Amino acid sequence: MKAIALPSGQSIPVLGMGTWQMGERSRDRQTEINALKHGIELGITLIDTAEMYGEGSAEEVIAEAFTSWSKANAGRREQVFLVSKVYPHNASRQGTIAACERSLRRLKTDYLDLYLLHWRGSVPLFETLAALQTLQQAGKIRDYGVSNFDLSDMQEARSLPGGESIATNQVLYNLMRRGIEWDLLPWCQQHGVPIMAYSPVEQGRLLKNRQLAAIAERLGVTSAQVAIAWLLHQDNVIVIPKASDLAHVEQNRAALDLRLSAADLHELDALFPPPSRPVALEML
């Protein structure tokens, strides 16, 4: 699996598995566990979650999947890159630490590879950053970062103690949502902060685009694979499509091997134009 380096030097895979809405329906639990296990077997060892997802249930699903995979394959914790996020209303100095401890218990692990502030709330950033540094010093997390931060948020955070160690910014980024290319993406690339792109197929809406489907058909792949491959060709971008069943996981992994030509990229730019002016950061 191709990987890039976070500012700390820690290596992170460029393709992962998202878990939003997992753990919310008991009838889907085994399907979700099997999908995550299969993804790990295919080399997709980055798993993204949050305490918000199913109010912790997604983290429990991941723990079951990892435990099952580990027993069957003599797998070790360090072979999987775990990311979770803290709610903004839990992001006080003590609240962040307590939330992280709860996530660790649900995930049945001693540490997170990456811990993010899910979005900005009313708690001062300096307080959250102080808590994240405490967790890092205690070995509870290896790196920390943010999610859904626009350029001004990133600039402010970077100016605070501990801000220069922010490892990533996880934001909405796909062919239909290219606003970050105007200022946020260049700034992050300039400062060596990778972008983690969530919702790469726009919660399935991209798959309904007939022109994108025509490009995919010509290339002999799916629309989702084109959308993911387009993100993967960007510098310092990590992609975390949802991994809810075996077919999705296999399609996502195959996207890693898809190489879009200059002509393909030009056609996608014409179909989904880059921003021509500043665009407010979008969220889903």
Protein backbone atom coordinates (compact mmCIF):
# COMPACT_ATOMS: atom_id res chain seq x y z
CA MET A 1 0.00 0.00 0.00
CA LYS A 2 1.33 3.42 -0.96
CA ALA A 3 1.89 5.68 2.03
CA ILE A 4 2.89 9.26 2.76
CA ALA A 5 4.60 10.81 5.75
CA LEU A 6 2.82 12.91 8.34
CA PRO A 7 4.74 15.94 9.70
CA SER A 8 5.97 13.77 12.59
CA GLY A 9 7.48 11.30 10.15
CA GLN A 10 4.87 8.62 10.90
CA SER A 11 3.77 6.82 7.75
CA ILE A 12 0.07 6.76 6.82
CA PRO A 13 -1.55 4.80 3.96
CA VAL A 14 -3.10 6.94 1.22
CA LEU A 15 -6.24 4.79 1.05
CA GLY A 16 -8.34 3.87 4.05
CA MET A 17 -11.75 2.69 5.14
CA GLY A 18 -14.39 5.03 6.51
CA THR A 19 -16.92 3.84 9.07
CA TRP A 20 -19.58 6.56 9.23
CA GLN A 21 -23.03 5.05 10.03
CA MET A 22 -21.48 1.71 10.95
CA GLY A 23 -22.63 0.01 14.12
CA GLU A 24 -26.07 1.62 13.96
CA ARG A 25 -28.07 -1.43 12.86
CA SER A 26 -27.57 -4.82 14.47
CA ARG A 27 -28.62 -6.62 11.28
CA ASP A 28 -25.67 -5.07 9.41
CA ARG A 29 -23.04 -5.71 12.07
CA GLN A 30 -21.55 -8.94 10.71
CA THR A 31 -21.50 -7.55 7.16
CA GLU A 32 -19.59 -4.51 8.41
CA ILE A 33 -17.15 -6.65 10.39
CA ASN A 34 -16.52 -8.86 7.37
CA ALA A 35 -15.95 -5.83 5.15
CA LEU A 36 -13.38 -4.33 7.51
CA LYS A 37 -11.59 -7.66 7.89
CA HIS A 38 -11.48 -8.10 4.12
CA GLY A 39 -10.14 -4.59 3.68
CA ILE A 40 -7.28 -5.27 6.08
CA GLU A 41 -6.53 -8.49 4.22
CA LEU A 42 -6.35 -6.48 0.98
CA GLY A 43 -3.85 -4.10 2.56
CA ILE A 44 -6.24 -1.25 3.41
CA THR A 45 -4.98 -0.93 6.96
CA LEU A 46 -6.04 2.68 7.62
CA ILE A 47 -9.42 2.77 9.41
CA ASP A 48 -11.15 6.06 10.19
CA THR A 49 -13.85 6.44 12.83
CA ALA A 50 -15.16 8.83 15.49
CA GLU A 51 -16.92 8.75 18.82
CA MET A 52 -19.87 10.35 16.97
CA TYR A 53 -20.31 7.38 14.62
CA GLY A 54 -23.10 5.37 16.20
CA GLU A 55 -22.19 7.07 19.49
CA GLY A 56 -19.20 4.75 19.76
CA SER A 57 -20.75 1.70 18.08
CA ALA A 58 -18.56 2.05 14.99
CA GLU A 59 -15.46 1.86 17.19
CA GLU A 60 -16.82 -1.36 18.71
CA VAL A 61 -17.38 -2.84 15.24
CA ILE A 62 -13.77 -2.03 14.34
CA ALA A 63 -12.57 -3.74 17.53
CA GLU A 64 -14.52 -6.88 16.64
CA ALA A 65 -13.19 -6.86 13.08
CA PHE A 66 -9.60 -6.34 14.16
CA THR A 67 -9.78 -8.99 16.88
CA SER A 68 -11.23 -11.52 14.45
CA TRP A 69 -8.66 -10.68 11.75
CA SER A 70 -5.81 -10.74 14.25
CA LYS A 71 -6.71 -14.19 15.57
CA ALA A 72 -7.01 -15.61 12.06
CA ASN A 73 -3.82 -14.04 10.73
CA ALA A 74 -1.58 -13.64 13.77
CA GLY A 75 -1.95 -9.92 13.15
CA ARG A 76 -0.47 -7.26 15.37
CA ARG A 77 -1.83 -3.89 16.45
CA GLU A 78 0.93 -1.95 14.69
CA GLN A 79 -0.21 -3.36 11.34
CA VAL A 80 -3.37 -1.23 11.48
CA PHE A 81 -3.53 2.58 11.47
CA LEU A 82 -6.45 3.71 13.65
CA VAL A 83 -7.95 7.20 13.48
CA SER A 84 -10.71 8.50 15.72
CA LYS A 85 -12.20 11.91 16.53
CA VAL A 86 -13.45 13.81 19.55
CA TYR A 87 -16.75 15.68 19.58
CA PRO A 88 -16.34 19.48 19.82
CA HIS A 89 -18.44 19.56 22.99
CA ASN A 90 -16.04 17.05 24.56
CA ALA A 91 -12.92 18.93 23.45
CA SER A 92 -12.03 20.68 26.71
CA ARG A 93 -8.72 19.86 28.37
CA GLN A 94 -10.16 17.11 30.58
CA GLY A 95 -13.01 16.25 28.21
CA THR A 96 -10.64 15.40 25.36
CA ILE A 97 -8.61 13.09 27.55
CA ALA A 98 -11.73 11.35 28.87
CA ALA A 99 -13.19 10.98 25.36
CA CYS A 100 -9.95 9.47 24.09
CA GLU A 101 -9.92 6.96 26.95
CA ARG A 102 -13.47 5.91 26.07
CA SER A 103 -12.51 5.47 22.41
CA LEU A 104 -9.51 3.38 23.40
CA ARG A 105 -11.71 1.11 25.51
CA ARG A 106 -14.23 0.66 22.71
CA LEU A 107 -11.47 -0.01 20.18
CA LYS A 108 -9.71 -2.35 22.64
CA THR A 109 -6.34 -0.75 22.04
CA ASP A 110 -3.73 1.12 24.05
CA TYR A 111 -3.20 3.93 21.57
CA LEU A 112 -4.53 5.70 18.49
CA ASP A 113 -2.29 6.42 15.55
CA LEU A 114 -4.14 9.68 14.93
CA TYR A 115 -6.74 11.60 16.97
CA LEU A 116 -8.69 14.50 15.50
CA LEU A 117 -10.95 17.31 16.68
CA HIS A 118 -14.06 16.48 14.64
CA TRP A 119 -15.00 20.09 13.94
CA ARG A 120 -14.53 23.39 15.66
CA GLY A 121 -16.83 24.19 18.58
CA SER A 122 -16.96 26.63 21.47
CA VAL A 123 -13.96 25.25 23.37
CA PRO A 124 -10.86 27.43 22.75
CA LEU A 125 -8.43 25.77 20.36
CA PHE A 126 -5.48 26.25 22.68
CA GLU A 127 -7.26 24.13 25.31
CA THR A 128 -7.94 21.26 22.90
CA LEU A 129 -4.38 21.39 21.58
CA ALA A 130 -3.04 21.25 25.13
CA ALA A 131 -5.11 18.13 25.80
CA LEU A 132 -3.94 16.50 22.57
CA GLN A 133 -0.33 17.16 23.51
CA THR A 134 -0.94 15.60 26.94
CA LEU A 135 -2.38 12.50 25.29
CA GLN A 136 0.58 12.32 22.92
CA GLN A 137 3.10 12.64 25.74
CA ALA A 138 1.30 9.88 27.62
CA GLY A 139 1.53 7.56 24.60
CA LYS A 140 -2.25 7.42 24.16
CA ILE A 141 -2.02 8.91 20.66
CA ARG A 142 0.85 9.09 18.21
CA ASP A 143 -0.33 12.11 16.22
CA TYR A 144 -3.16 14.59 16.39
CA GLY A 145 -4.98 16.77 13.92
CA VAL A 146 -8.24 18.45 13.01
CA SER A 147 -11.26 17.96 10.79
CA ASN A 148 -13.50 20.41 8.92
CA PHE A 149 -11.09 23.33 9.44
CA ASP A 150 -11.02 26.09 6.82
CA LEU A 151 -7.94 28.14 6.00
CA SER A 152 -8.43 30.73 8.75
CA ASP A 153 -8.97 27.94 11.30
CA MET A 154 -5.76 26.24 10.20
CA GLN A 155 -3.78 29.46 10.34
CA GLU A 156 -5.08 30.23 13.82
CA ALA A 157 -4.44 26.69 15.07
CA ARG A 158 -0.92 26.66 13.68
CA SER A 159 -0.11 29.88 15.55
CA LEU A 160 -0.95 28.28 18.92
CA PRO A 161 1.32 26.12 21.11
CA GLY A 162 1.31 22.65 19.59
CA GLY A 163 -0.27 23.89 16.38
CA GLU A 164 2.77 23.19 14.25
CA SER A 165 2.38 19.49 15.09
CA ILE A 166 -1.10 19.24 13.56
CA ALA A 167 -0.73 16.16 11.38
CA THR A 168 -3.72 16.44 9.04
CA ASN A 169 -6.99 18.17 8.25
CA GLN A 170 -9.87 15.86 7.34
CA VAL A 171 -12.33 17.65 5.06
CA LEU A 172 -15.03 17.09 2.47
CA TYR A 173 -13.26 16.81 -0.88
CA ASN A 174 -14.39 15.15 -4.08
CA LEU A 175 -15.04 15.92 -7.75
CA MET A 176 -18.20 17.85 -6.85
CA ARG A 177 -16.64 19.68 -3.88
CA ARG A 178 -13.39 21.21 -5.06
CA GLY A 179 -13.54 24.47 -3.13
CA ILE A 180 -10.49 23.64 -1.00
CA GLU A 181 -8.31 23.84 -4.11
CA TRP A 182 -8.58 27.64 -4.06
CA ASP A 183 -6.68 28.20 -0.83
CA LEU A 184 -6.88 25.46 1.81
CA LEU A 185 -5.30 22.64 -0.19
CA PRO A 186 -2.36 24.77 -1.44
CA TRP A 187 -1.75 26.06 2.10
CA CYS A 188 -1.76 22.54 3.54
CA GLN A 189 0.57 21.32 0.80
CA GLN A 190 2.91 24.25 1.43
CA HIS A 191 3.06 23.42 5.15
CA GLY A 192 3.32 19.66 4.68
CA VAL A 193 -0.09 18.92 6.23
CA PRO A 194 -1.87 16.09 4.36
CA ILE A 195 -5.55 16.40 3.56
CA MET A 196 -7.80 13.45 4.43
CA ALA A 197 -10.67 13.47 1.94
CA TYR A 198 -13.95 12.15 3.24
CA SER A 199 -17.07 11.33 1.21
CA PRO A 200 -15.12 10.82 -2.05
CA VAL A 201 -18.27 9.78 -3.93
CA GLU A 202 -20.50 12.45 -2.35
CA GLN A 203 -22.55 9.87 -0.41
CA GLY A 204 -23.32 8.13 -3.70
CA ARG A 205 -24.53 11.17 -5.62
CA LEU A 206 -21.48 11.14 -7.89
CA LEU A 207 -22.42 7.65 -9.00
CA LYS A 208 -25.58 9.01 -10.62
CA ASN A 209 -23.64 11.32 -12.95
CA ARG A 210 -24.04 9.95 -16.48
CA GLN A 211 -20.96 11.68 -17.88
CA LEU A 212 -18.78 10.29 -15.12
CA ALA A 213 -20.31 6.87 -15.76
CA ALA A 214 -19.39 7.19 -19.45
CA ILE A 215 -15.75 7.94 -18.54
CA ALA A 216 -15.71 4.97 -16.18
CA GLU A 217 -17.20 2.67 -18.80
CA ARG A 218 -14.57 3.72 -21.31
CA LEU A 219 -11.86 2.93 -18.76
CA GLY A 220 -13.47 -0.37 -17.83
CA VAL A 221 -13.97 0.58 -14.18
CA THR A 222 -16.72 1.99 -11.96
CA SER A 223 -17.60 5.63 -11.36
CA ALA A 224 -16.53 5.25 -7.74
CA GLN A 225 -13.10 4.03 -8.81
CA VAL A 226 -12.63 7.03 -11.09
CA ALA A 227 -13.67 9.42 -8.30
CA ILE A 228 -11.29 7.81 -5.80
CA ALA A 229 -8.42 7.56 -8.30
CA TRP A 230 -8.84 11.26 -9.10
CA LEU A 231 -8.32 12.11 -5.43
CA LEU A 232 -5.39 9.73 -5.10
CA HIS A 233 -3.53 11.47 -7.92
CA GLN A 234 -3.41 14.70 -5.85
CA ASP A 235 -0.28 15.43 -3.85
CA ASN A 236 -0.48 14.75 -0.10
CA VAL A 237 -4.12 13.60 -0.17
CA ILE A 238 -5.44 10.58 1.75
CA VAL A 239 -8.82 9.10 0.79
CA ILE A 240 -11.20 7.32 3.19
CA PRO A 241 -14.22 5.92 1.30
CA LYS A 242 -16.82 4.05 3.32
CA ALA A 243 -16.26 0.30 3.56
CA SER A 244 -19.67 -1.17 4.34
CA ASP A 245 -19.57 -4.42 2.33
CA LEU A 246 -17.14 -6.70 0.52
CA ALA A 247 -17.91 -5.34 -2.96
CA HIS A 248 -17.28 -1.74 -1.91
CA VAL A 249 -14.00 -2.68 -0.27
CA GLU A 250 -12.76 -4.51 -3.36
CA GLN A 251 -13.76 -1.63 -5.65
CA ASN A 252 -12.02 0.86 -3.39
CA ARG A 253 -8.82 -1.18 -3.34
CA ALA A 254 -8.85 -1.52 -7.14
CA ALA A 255 -9.02 2.28 -7.45
CA LEU A 256 -5.50 2.43 -6.06
CA ASP A 257 -4.22 0.75 -9.23
CA LEU A 258 -6.14 2.98 -11.65
CA ARG A 259 -3.92 5.51 -13.43
CA LEU A 260 -5.78 8.41 -15.01
CA SER A 261 -4.14 9.92 -18.10
CA ALA A 262 -3.67 13.63 -18.69
CA ALA A 263 -6.59 13.44 -21.11
CA ASP A 264 -8.75 11.76 -18.46
CA LEU A 265 -7.89 14.46 -15.94
CA HIS A 266 -8.62 17.21 -18.46
CA GLU A 267 -12.01 15.65 -19.19
CA LEU A 268 -12.81 15.46 -15.47
CA ASP A 269 -11.79 19.11 -15.03
CA ALA A 270 -14.19 20.09 -17.79
CA LEU A 271 -16.98 18.07 -16.23
CA PHE A 272 -16.25 19.16 -12.65
CA PRO A 273 -14.44 22.52 -12.90
CA PRO A 274 -12.02 23.66 -10.20
CA PRO A 275 -13.04 26.77 -8.23
CA SER A 276 -12.65 30.17 -9.89
CA ARG A 277 -13.11 32.09 -6.64
CA PRO A 278 -12.97 31.49 -2.86
CA VAL A 279 -15.53 28.96 -1.66
CA ALA A 280 -16.63 28.51 1.96
CA LEU A 281 -15.59 25.16 3.40
CA GLU A 282 -18.36 22.64 2.89
CA MET A 283 -19.34 19.86 5.28
CA LEU A 284 -21.59 16.80 5.22
